[in-house]
C-alpha atoms as a PDB file:
ATOM      1  CA  MET A   1     -27.380  44.648  20.250  1.00  0.00           C
ATOM      2  CA  GLU A   2     -24.252  46.695  19.847  1.00  0.00           C
ATOM      3  CA  VAL A   3     -20.920  45.406  18.714  1.00  0.00           C
ATOM      4  CA  ILE A   4     -17.842  47.664  18.912  1.00  0.00           C
ATOM      5  CA  CYS A   5     -14.762  46.194  17.006  1.00  0.00           C
ATOM      6  CA  ASN A   6     -11.995  48.890  16.828  1.00  0.00           C
ATOM      7  CA  ASP A   7      -9.331  46.376  15.736  1.00  0.00           C
ATOM      8  CA  CYS A   8     -11.151  43.811  13.923  1.00  0.00           C
ATOM      9  CA  PRO A   9      -9.164  40.760  12.707  1.00  0.00           C
ATOM     10  CA  ALA A  10      -8.580  40.205   8.889  1.00  0.00           C
ATOM     11  CA  GLY A  11     -10.859  37.274   8.749  1.00  0.00           C
ATOM     12  CA  GLY A  12     -13.768  39.249  10.334  1.00  0.00           C
ATOM     13  CA  VAL A  13     -15.944  38.750  13.284  1.00  0.00           C
ATOM     14  CA  SER A  14     -19.044  36.618  14.055  1.00  0.00           C
ATOM     15  CA  ILE A  15     -22.301  37.587  15.908  1.00  0.00           C
ATOM     16  CA  TYR A  16     -24.520  34.590  17.302  1.00  0.00           C
ATOM     17  CA  ASN A  17     -27.950  35.348  18.221  1.00  0.00           C
ATOM     18  CA  PRO A  18     -29.659  32.538  20.030  1.00  0.00           C
ATOM     19  CA  VAL A  19     -32.877  34.514  20.635  1.00  0.00           C
ATOM     20  CA  PHE A  20     -34.192  33.028  17.115  1.00  0.00           C
ATOM     21  CA  TRP A  21     -33.515  29.559  18.167  1.00  0.00           C
ATOM     22  CA  GLY A  22     -36.504  27.342  17.450  1.00  0.00           C
ATOM     23  CA  MET A  23     -37.974  29.229  14.489  1.00  0.00           C
ATOM     24  CA  ASN A  24     -39.880  26.819  12.236  1.00  0.00           C
ATOM     25  CA  ILE A  25     -38.109  27.617   8.987  1.00  0.00           C
ATOM     26  CA  GLU A  26     -39.572  25.459   6.185  1.00  0.00           C
ATOM     27  CA  SER A  27     -37.842  24.526   2.895  1.00  0.00           C
ATOM     28  CA  GLY A  28     -39.222  26.296  -0.203  1.00  0.00           C
ATOM     29  CA  LYS A  29     -40.751  29.252   1.713  1.00  0.00           C
ATOM     30  CA  ALA A  30     -39.566  32.933   1.221  1.00  0.00           C
ATOM     31  CA  TYR A  31     -38.207  34.794   4.336  1.00  0.00           C
ATOM     32  CA  HIS A  32     -37.100  38.429   4.683  1.00  0.00           C
ATOM     33  CA  LEU A  33     -34.295  39.544   6.966  1.00  0.00           C
ATOM     34  CA  VAL A  34     -34.284  43.114   8.123  1.00  0.00           C
ATOM     35  CA  MET A  35     -31.210  44.370   9.718  1.00  0.00           C
ATOM     36  CA  TYR A  36     -29.815  47.805  10.311  1.00  0.00           C
ATOM     37  CA  ILE A  37     -25.971  48.150  10.171  1.00  0.00           C
ATOM     38  CA  LYS A  38     -23.824  51.319  10.942  1.00  0.00           C
ATOM     39  CA  SER A  39     -20.304  51.595  10.202  1.00  0.00           C
ATOM     40  CA  THR A  40     -17.909  54.516   9.905  1.00  0.00           C
ATOM     41  CA  GLU A  41     -16.159  52.741   6.925  1.00  0.00           C
ATOM     42  CA  PRO A  42     -17.335  50.427   4.158  1.00  0.00           C
ATOM     43  CA  ALA A  43     -17.903  46.783   5.415  1.00  0.00           C
ATOM     44  CA  GLU A  44     -18.679  43.360   4.003  1.00  0.00           C
ATOM     45  CA  LEU A  45     -21.507  41.644   5.552  1.00  0.00           C
ATOM     46  CA  THR A  46     -22.416  37.849   5.318  1.00  0.00           C
ATOM     47  CA  VAL A  47     -25.691  36.542   6.943  1.00  0.00           C
ATOM     48  CA  ARG A  48     -26.178  32.795   7.675  1.00  0.00           C
ATOM     49  CA  LEU A  49     -29.073  30.797   8.938  1.00  0.00           C
ATOM     50  CA  THR A  50     -27.584  27.495  10.377  1.00  0.00           C
ATOM     51  CA  SER A  51     -28.816  24.275  11.856  1.00  0.00           C
ATOM     52  CA  SER A  52     -29.713  24.403  15.600  1.00  0.00           C
ATOM     53  CA  ASP A  53     -26.125  22.982  16.322  1.00  0.00           C
ATOM     54  CA  GLY A  54     -24.546  25.575  14.059  1.00  0.00           C
ATOM     55  CA  MET A  55     -22.645  23.027  12.096  1.00  0.00           C
ATOM     56  CA  GLN A  56     -24.646  23.178   8.885  1.00  0.00           C
ATOM     57  CA  THR A  57     -25.282  26.408   6.895  1.00  0.00           C
ATOM     58  CA  LEU A  58     -28.782  26.392   5.499  1.00  0.00           C
ATOM     59  CA  VAL A  59     -28.538  29.598   3.546  1.00  0.00           C
ATOM     60  CA  GLN A  60     -25.923  32.228   3.184  1.00  0.00           C
ATOM     61  CA  LEU A  61     -26.248  35.732   1.731  1.00  0.00           C
ATOM     62  CA  ARG A  62     -23.638  38.449   1.024  1.00  0.00           C
END
């Protein structure tokens, strides 16, 4: 996936990846996210796992 944002808004941008829909995430188990991010400048990154409807944040990491 490639995302180009030359003039990003102050509040940031979101990327939604429905490919992972239907994963059987179970409470109390440990999961590891591996993601490679490339930026020409320092950037803040927040990762969220949400409910299938996207309305409930299940976990959030910064």
